[in-house]
C-alpha atoms as a PDB file:
ATOM      1  CA  MET A   1     108.286  84.201  89.263  1.00  0.00           C
ATOM      2  CA  SER A   2     108.828  87.303  91.373  1.00  0.00           C
ATOM      3  CA  ASP A   3     107.311  87.699  94.822  1.00  0.00           C
ATOM      4  CA  LEU A   4     105.111  90.517  93.491  1.00  0.00           C
ATOM      5  CA  GLN A   5     103.844  88.395  90.616  1.00  0.00           C
ATOM      6  CA  ALA A   6     103.120  85.499  92.971  1.00  0.00           C
ATOM      7  CA  ILE A   7     101.179  87.806  95.320  1.00  0.00           C
ATOM      8  CA  THR A   8      99.239  89.293  92.406  1.00  0.00           C
ATOM      9  CA  ASP A   9      98.363  85.872  90.976  1.00  0.00           C
ATOM     10  CA  ASP A  10      97.356  84.595  94.415  1.00  0.00           C
ATOM     11  CA  PHE A  11      95.002  87.537  94.969  1.00  0.00           C
ATOM     12  CA  ARG A  12      93.452  87.112  91.521  1.00  0.00           C
ATOM     13  CA  THR A  13      92.797  83.441  92.220  1.00  0.00           C
ATOM     14  CA  HIS A  14      91.659  83.974  95.818  1.00  0.00           C
ATOM     15  CA  LEU A  15      89.236  86.804  95.046  1.00  0.00           C
ATOM     16  CA  GLY A  16      87.778  85.266  91.898  1.00  0.00           C
ATOM     17  CA  ASP A  17      84.340  86.632  91.055  1.00  0.00           C
ATOM     18  CA  GLU A  18      83.442  87.700  94.581  1.00  0.00           C
ATOM     19  CA  PRO A  19      81.799  91.090  95.064  1.00  0.00           C
ATOM     20  CA  GLY A  20      84.076  93.534  96.845  1.00  0.00           C
ATOM     21  CA  PRO A  21      83.546  95.893  99.770  1.00  0.00           C
ATOM     22  CA  GLY A  22      83.335  98.898  97.432  1.00  0.00           C
ATOM     23  CA  VAL A  23      86.795 100.432  97.918  1.00  0.00           C
ATOM     24  CA  THR A  24      90.105 100.714  96.101  1.00  0.00           C
ATOM     25  CA  ILE A  25      93.334  99.814  97.874  1.00  0.00           C
ATOM     26  CA  LYS A  26      96.907 100.391  96.740  1.00  0.00           C
ATOM     27  CA  ILE A  27      99.652  98.391  98.422  1.00  0.00           C
ATOM     28  CA  LEU A  28     103.094  99.899  97.875  1.00  0.00           C
ATOM     29  CA  PHE A  29     105.839  97.426  98.655  1.00  0.00           C
ATOM     30  CA  ASN A  30     108.941  99.003 100.172  1.00  0.00           C
ATOM     31  CA  GLU A  31     111.131  96.860  97.902  1.00  0.00           C
ATOM     32  CA  GLY A  32     109.339  98.325  94.867  1.00  0.00           C
ATOM     33  CA  GLY A  33     106.154  97.342  93.132  1.00  0.00           C
ATOM     34  CA  VAL A  34     102.448  97.964  93.545  1.00  0.00           C
ATOM     35  CA  LEU A  35      99.403  95.800  94.133  1.00  0.00           C
ATOM     36  CA  PHE A  36      96.227  97.672  93.201  1.00  0.00           C
ATOM     37  CA  ILE A  37      92.935  96.115  94.267  1.00  0.00           C
ATOM     38  CA  ASN A  38      89.774  97.598  92.804  1.00  0.00           C
ATOM     39  CA  ALA A  39      87.113  96.148  95.078  1.00  0.00           C
ATOM     40  CA  ALA A  40      84.587  98.736  93.910  1.00  0.00           C
ATOM     41  CA  VAL A  41      83.735  96.580  90.879  1.00  0.00           C
ATOM     42  CA  THR A  42      82.598  92.991  90.414  1.00  0.00           C
ATOM     43  CA  PRO A  43      84.589  90.940  89.808  1.00  0.00           C
ATOM     44  CA  ILE A  44      87.324  92.529  91.900  1.00  0.00           C
ATOM     45  CA  GLN A  45      90.234  93.656  89.721  1.00  0.00           C
ATOM     46  CA  VAL A  46      93.828  93.092  90.811  1.00  0.00           C
ATOM     47  CA  THR A  47      96.681  94.746  88.890  1.00  0.00           C
ATOM     48  CA  ASN A  48     100.196  96.060  89.383  1.00  0.00           C
ATOM     49  CA  GLU A  49      99.273  99.517  88.089  1.00  0.00           C
ATOM     50  CA  ASP A  50      99.998 102.541  90.248  1.00  0.00           C
ATOM     51  CA  GLN A  51      96.554 104.167  90.341  1.00  0.00           C
ATOM     52  CA  ALA A  52      94.828 106.559  92.729  1.00  0.00           C
ATOM     53  CA  ALA A  53      93.132 104.669  95.578  1.00  0.00           C
ATOM     54  CA  ASP A  54      90.901 105.278  98.586  1.00  0.00           C
ATOM     55  CA  CYS A  55      93.661 103.938 100.811  1.00  0.00           C
ATOM     56  CA  THR A  56      97.398 103.335 100.397  1.00  0.00           C
ATOM     57  CA  VAL A  57      99.313 100.787 102.451  1.00  0.00           C
ATOM     58  CA  ASN A  58     103.129 100.733 102.642  1.00  0.00           C
ATOM     59  CA  VAL A  59     104.685  97.435 103.740  1.00  0.00           C
ATOM     60  CA  ASP A  60     107.613  95.068 103.099  1.00  0.00           C
ATOM     61  CA  ILE A  61     106.782  91.958 101.082  1.00  0.00           C
ATOM     62  CA  ALA A  62     107.890  89.678 103.951  1.00  0.00           C
ATOM     63  CA  ASP A  63     105.662  91.528 106.439  1.00  0.00           C
ATOM     64  CA  PHE A  64     102.774  91.389 103.968  1.00  0.00           C
ATOM     65  CA  ALA A  65     103.201  87.615 103.770  1.00  0.00           C
ATOM     66  CA  SER A  66     103.162  87.465 107.589  1.00  0.00           C
ATOM     67  CA  LEU A  67      99.954  89.517 107.658  1.00  0.00           C
ATOM     68  CA  ARG A  68      98.340  87.140 105.187  1.00  0.00           C
ATOM     69  CA  ASP A  69      99.303  83.976 107.039  1.00  0.00           C
ATOM     70  CA  GLY A  70      98.240  85.419 110.389  1.00  0.00           C
ATOM     71  CA  SER A  71     101.655  85.381 112.064  1.00  0.00           C
ATOM     72  CA  LEU A  72     101.638  89.210 112.224  1.00  0.00           C
ATOM     73  CA  SER A  73      98.553  91.109 113.337  1.00  0.00           C
ATOM     74  CA  PRO A  74      97.662  94.334 111.508  1.00  0.00           C
ATOM     75  CA  ILE A  75      97.586  96.264 114.791  1.00  0.00           C
ATOM     76  CA  ARG A  76     101.055  95.056 115.790  1.00  0.00           C
ATOM     77  CA  ALA A  77     102.353  95.843 112.303  1.00  0.00           C
ATOM     78  CA  MET A  78     101.036  99.410 112.532  1.00  0.00           C
ATOM     79  CA  MET A  79     102.313  99.934 116.082  1.00  0.00           C
ATOM     80  CA  THR A  80     105.815  98.743 115.142  1.00  0.00           C
ATOM     81  CA  GLY A  81     105.937 100.782 111.914  1.00  0.00           C
ATOM     82  CA  LYS A  82     105.927  97.734 109.652  1.00  0.00           C
ATOM     83  CA  LEU A  83     102.631  98.854 108.106  1.00  0.00           C
ATOM     84  CA  LYS A  84     101.739 102.434 107.241  1.00  0.00           C
ATOM     85  CA  VAL A  85      98.285 103.438 106.053  1.00  0.00           C
ATOM     86  CA  THR A  86      97.342 106.731 104.404  1.00  0.00           C
ATOM     87  CA  GLY A  87      94.012 107.858 103.073  1.00  0.00           C
ATOM     88  CA  ASN A  88      90.627 106.513 104.083  1.00  0.00           C
ATOM     89  CA  MET A  89      91.151 104.411 107.216  1.00  0.00           C
ATOM     90  CA  SER A  90      87.717 102.772 106.898  1.00  0.00           C
ATOM     91  CA  ALA A  91      88.806 101.508 103.466  1.00  0.00           C
ATOM     92  CA  ALA A  92      91.841  99.943 105.126  1.00  0.00           C
ATOM     93  CA  MET A  93      89.586  98.187 107.617  1.00  0.00           C
ATOM     94  CA  LYS A  94      87.540  96.764 104.745  1.00  0.00           C
ATOM     95  CA  LEU A  95      90.746  95.310 103.326  1.00  0.00           C
ATOM     96  CA  GLN A  96      90.635  92.653 106.032  1.00  0.00           C
ATOM     97  CA  SER A  97      87.589  91.113 104.359  1.00  0.00           C
ATOM     98  CA  LEU A  98      89.714  90.401 101.282  1.00  0.00           C
ATOM     99  CA  PHE A  99      92.141  88.098 103.097  1.00  0.00           C
END
């Protein structure tokens, strides 16, 4: 199973039927691949489709894993260029509630 597929499956399981914060987030992995989270619907939808989103995040898969396990803070990742956010910054902040 690819890293992208494992991440996608993990998010689907983790988010389950929870209501979302009302935003769409696209995570573009620098190695290739997309994780699209539609948290504007219930249940939250997680796909690998490249769709328009409120916010787009660019990150390496390894750094994304570090963000998820807490060993890399989002602020440090942004300050060091490991994480780039475009679009609605408040949507990016709401992403934290999904972890």
